[in-house]
Amino acid sequence: MEIIKLRDEYIKLGQALKAAGFVSSGVEAKLVIQDGLVKVNNQTQYQRGKKLYDGDVVEYKENYIQIER
């Protein structure tokens, strides 16, 4: 599980996928999100700009990101 420490109040989903190294670009993040391959807190997410806060968990291809303050 990758852990992302928040510098601000939130991080956007596409940015989190890039920061964790799960995708190589914003375009790739957009595509995998649009294809329904990403879950946030066990719910499929289709918004690249979805705001993630402390405690949120992102799943992509059986890899996880934990968002922490």
N, C-alpha and C. Protein backbone atom coordinates (compact mmCIF):
# COMPACT_ATOMS: atom_id res chain seq x y z
N MET A 1 0.85 -1.19 0.00
CA MET A 1 0.00 0.00 0.00
C MET A 1 0.88 1.24 0.00
N GLU A 2 0.61 2.13 -0.93
CA GLU A 2 1.29 3.41 -0.99
C GLU A 2 0.60 4.38 -0.04
N ILE A 3 1.37 5.23 0.59
CA ILE A 3 0.80 6.24 1.47
C ILE A 3 1.14 7.62 0.91
N ILE A 4 0.11 8.44 0.76
CA ILE A 4 0.31 9.81 0.30
C ILE A 4 -0.03 10.74 1.45
N LYS A 5 0.94 11.57 1.82
CA LYS A 5 0.74 12.56 2.87
C LYS A 5 0.22 13.84 2.23
N LEU A 6 -0.87 14.34 2.75
CA LEU A 6 -1.46 15.57 2.23
C LEU A 6 -0.64 16.79 2.63
N ARG A 7 -0.39 17.65 1.66
CA ARG A 7 0.24 18.95 1.95
C ARG A 7 -0.83 20.01 2.14
N ASP A 8 -1.95 19.80 1.47
CA ASP A 8 -3.09 20.70 1.55
C ASP A 8 -4.24 19.92 2.17
N GLU A 9 -5.43 20.47 2.06
CA GLU A 9 -6.62 19.82 2.64
C GLU A 9 -6.98 18.54 1.88
N TYR A 10 -6.69 18.51 0.57
CA TYR A 10 -7.05 17.35 -0.26
C TYR A 10 -6.08 17.22 -1.42
N ILE A 11 -6.17 16.07 -2.12
CA ILE A 11 -5.45 15.84 -3.37
C ILE A 11 -6.48 15.27 -4.34
N LYS A 12 -6.35 15.60 -5.61
CA LYS A 12 -7.29 15.10 -6.60
C LYS A 12 -6.89 13.67 -7.01
N LEU A 13 -7.88 12.90 -7.39
CA LEU A 13 -7.67 11.50 -7.71
C LEU A 13 -6.60 11.27 -8.77
N GLY A 14 -6.67 12.01 -9.86
CA GLY A 14 -5.66 11.86 -10.92
C GLY A 14 -4.26 12.15 -10.41
N GLN A 15 -4.12 13.16 -9.58
CA GLN A 15 -2.82 13.52 -9.01
C GLN A 15 -2.31 12.41 -8.08
N ALA A 16 -3.22 11.81 -7.33
CA ALA A 16 -2.83 10.75 -6.40
C ALA A 16 -2.33 9.52 -7.17
N LEU A 17 -2.99 9.17 -8.25
CA LEU A 17 -2.55 8.04 -9.06
C LEU A 17 -1.15 8.28 -9.63
N LYS A 18 -0.91 9.51 -10.07
CA LYS A 18 0.42 9.86 -10.58
C LYS A 18 1.47 9.85 -9.47
N ALA A 19 1.13 10.45 -8.33
CA ALA A 19 2.08 10.54 -7.21
C ALA A 19 2.49 9.16 -6.70
N ALA A 20 1.57 8.21 -6.74
CA ALA A 20 1.87 6.85 -6.28
C ALA A 20 2.61 6.03 -7.33
N GLY A 21 2.70 6.58 -8.55
CA GLY A 21 3.38 5.86 -9.62
C GLY A 21 2.52 4.81 -10.31
N PHE A 22 1.20 4.84 -10.08
CA PHE A 22 0.31 3.86 -10.69
C PHE A 22 0.07 4.17 -12.16
N VAL A 23 0.18 5.44 -12.54
CA VAL A 23 0.07 5.87 -13.94
C VAL A 23 1.23 6.82 -14.22
N SER A 24 1.54 6.99 -15.50
CA SER A 24 2.69 7.82 -15.84
C SER A 24 2.32 9.25 -16.24
N SER A 25 1.04 9.49 -16.50
CA SER A 25 0.64 10.82 -16.95
C SER A 25 -0.80 11.12 -16.55
N GLY A 26 -1.15 12.39 -16.65
CA GLY A 26 -2.52 12.79 -16.39
C GLY A 26 -3.49 12.20 -17.39
N VAL A 27 -3.04 12.06 -18.62
CA VAL A 27 -3.89 11.47 -19.67
C VAL A 27 -4.18 10.01 -19.34
N GLU A 28 -3.15 9.28 -18.91
CA GLU A 28 -3.35 7.88 -18.54
C GLU A 28 -4.30 7.77 -17.34
N ALA A 29 -4.14 8.67 -16.36
CA ALA A 29 -5.03 8.69 -15.20
C ALA A 29 -6.47 8.91 -15.64
N LYS A 30 -6.66 9.87 -16.54
CA LYS A 30 -8.01 10.16 -17.05
C LYS A 30 -8.63 8.93 -17.69
N LEU A 31 -7.85 8.22 -18.48
CA LEU A 31 -8.38 7.05 -19.20
C LEU A 31 -8.75 5.91 -18.25
N VAL A 32 -7.89 5.59 -17.30
CA VAL A 32 -8.20 4.47 -16.40
C VAL A 32 -9.38 4.81 -15.50
N ILE A 33 -9.53 6.09 -15.14
CA ILE A 33 -10.67 6.51 -14.32
C ILE A 33 -11.95 6.43 -15.15
N GLN A 34 -11.91 6.94 -16.37
CA GLN A 34 -13.09 6.90 -17.25
C GLN A 34 -13.52 5.47 -17.56
N ASP A 35 -12.55 4.55 -17.60
CA ASP A 35 -12.86 3.15 -17.89
C ASP A 35 -13.40 2.40 -16.67
N GLY A 36 -13.52 3.09 -15.53
CA GLY A 36 -14.08 2.47 -14.34
C GLY A 36 -13.14 1.53 -13.63
N LEU A 37 -11.84 1.74 -13.78
CA LEU A 37 -10.85 0.84 -13.18
C LEU A 37 -10.38 1.28 -11.81
N VAL A 38 -10.88 2.43 -11.34
CA VAL A 38 -10.41 2.99 -10.07
C VAL A 38 -11.57 3.06 -9.07
N LYS A 39 -11.27 2.64 -7.84
CA LYS A 39 -12.27 2.72 -6.77
C LYS A 39 -11.74 3.63 -5.67
N VAL A 40 -12.65 4.39 -5.09
CA VAL A 40 -12.34 5.21 -3.92
C VAL A 40 -13.28 4.76 -2.82
N ASN A 41 -12.70 4.29 -1.72
CA ASN A 41 -13.50 3.77 -0.60
C ASN A 41 -14.51 2.72 -1.09
N ASN A 42 -14.03 1.81 -1.93
CA ASN A 42 -14.80 0.67 -2.46
C ASN A 42 -15.93 1.06 -3.42
N GLN A 43 -15.92 2.28 -3.93
CA GLN A 43 -16.92 2.70 -4.92
C GLN A 43 -16.21 3.13 -6.20
N THR A 44 -16.65 2.58 -7.33
CA THR A 44 -16.05 2.94 -8.61
C THR A 44 -16.21 4.44 -8.82
N GLN A 45 -15.11 5.05 -9.22
CA GLN A 45 -15.08 6.51 -9.37
C GLN A 45 -14.78 6.87 -10.82
N TYR A 46 -15.55 7.81 -11.38
CA TYR A 46 -15.36 8.22 -12.77
C TYR A 46 -14.90 9.67 -12.89
N GLN A 47 -14.64 10.35 -11.78
CA GLN A 47 -14.22 11.75 -11.80
C GLN A 47 -12.73 11.86 -11.51
N ARG A 48 -11.97 12.34 -12.48
CA ARG A 48 -10.53 12.52 -12.27
C ARG A 48 -10.28 13.57 -11.20
N GLY A 49 -11.16 14.55 -11.11
CA GLY A 49 -10.98 15.64 -10.16
C GLY A 49 -11.56 15.36 -8.78
N LYS A 50 -11.99 14.12 -8.52
CA LYS A 50 -12.53 13.76 -7.21
C LYS A 50 -11.52 14.13 -6.13
N LYS A 51 -11.98 14.86 -5.12
CA LYS A 51 -11.10 15.29 -4.04
C LYS A 51 -10.97 14.18 -3.00
N LEU A 52 -9.73 13.87 -2.67
CA LEU A 52 -9.44 12.84 -1.68
C LEU A 52 -8.95 13.50 -0.40
N TYR A 53 -9.48 13.02 0.71
CA TYR A 53 -9.15 13.59 2.02
C TYR A 53 -8.52 12.53 2.91
N ASP A 54 -8.05 12.96 4.07
CA ASP A 54 -7.45 12.08 5.06
C ASP A 54 -8.37 10.88 5.32
N GLY A 55 -7.83 9.68 5.22
CA GLY A 55 -8.59 8.47 5.48
C GLY A 55 -9.13 7.78 4.25
N ASP A 56 -9.13 8.46 3.10
CA ASP A 56 -9.62 7.83 1.87
C ASP A 56 -8.64 6.76 1.39
N VAL A 57 -9.20 5.73 0.74
CA VAL A 57 -8.39 4.64 0.19
C VAL A 57 -8.75 4.49 -1.28
N VAL A 58 -7.73 4.48 -2.13
CA VAL A 58 -7.89 4.33 -3.58
C VAL A 58 -7.40 2.95 -3.98
N GLU A 59 -8.16 2.28 -4.86
CA GLU A 59 -7.75 0.97 -5.36
C GLU A 59 -7.66 1.03 -6.88
N TYR A 60 -6.54 0.51 -7.41
CA TYR A 60 -6.34 0.42 -8.86
C TYR A 60 -5.51 -0.83 -9.14
N LYS A 61 -6.07 -1.77 -9.87
CA LYS A 61 -5.38 -3.01 -10.23
C LYS A 61 -4.80 -3.71 -9.00
N GLU A 62 -5.61 -3.87 -7.98
CA GLU A 62 -5.23 -4.54 -6.74
C GLU A 62 -4.08 -3.85 -6.00
N ASN A 63 -3.83 -2.59 -6.32
CA ASN A 63 -2.88 -1.76 -5.59
C ASN A 63 -3.67 -0.69 -4.85
N TYR A 64 -3.16 -0.28 -3.72
CA TYR A 64 -3.89 0.66 -2.87
C TYR A 64 -3.08 1.90 -2.55
N ILE A 65 -3.80 2.99 -2.37
CA ILE A 65 -3.22 4.26 -1.90
C ILE A 65 -4.00 4.66 -0.67
N GLN A 66 -3.29 4.93 0.40
CA GLN A 66 -3.91 5.46 1.64
C GLN A 66 -3.59 6.94 1.71
N ILE A 67 -4.63 7.76 1.87
CA ILE A 67 -4.44 9.21 1.99
C ILE A 67 -4.36 9.55 3.48
N GLU A 68 -3.28 10.25 3.85
CA GLU A 68 -3.08 10.62 5.25
C GLU A 68 -2.75 12.08 5.37
N ARG A 69 -3.11 12.65 6.51
CA ARG A 69 -2.81 14.04 6.79
C ARG A 69 -1.37 14.19 7.20
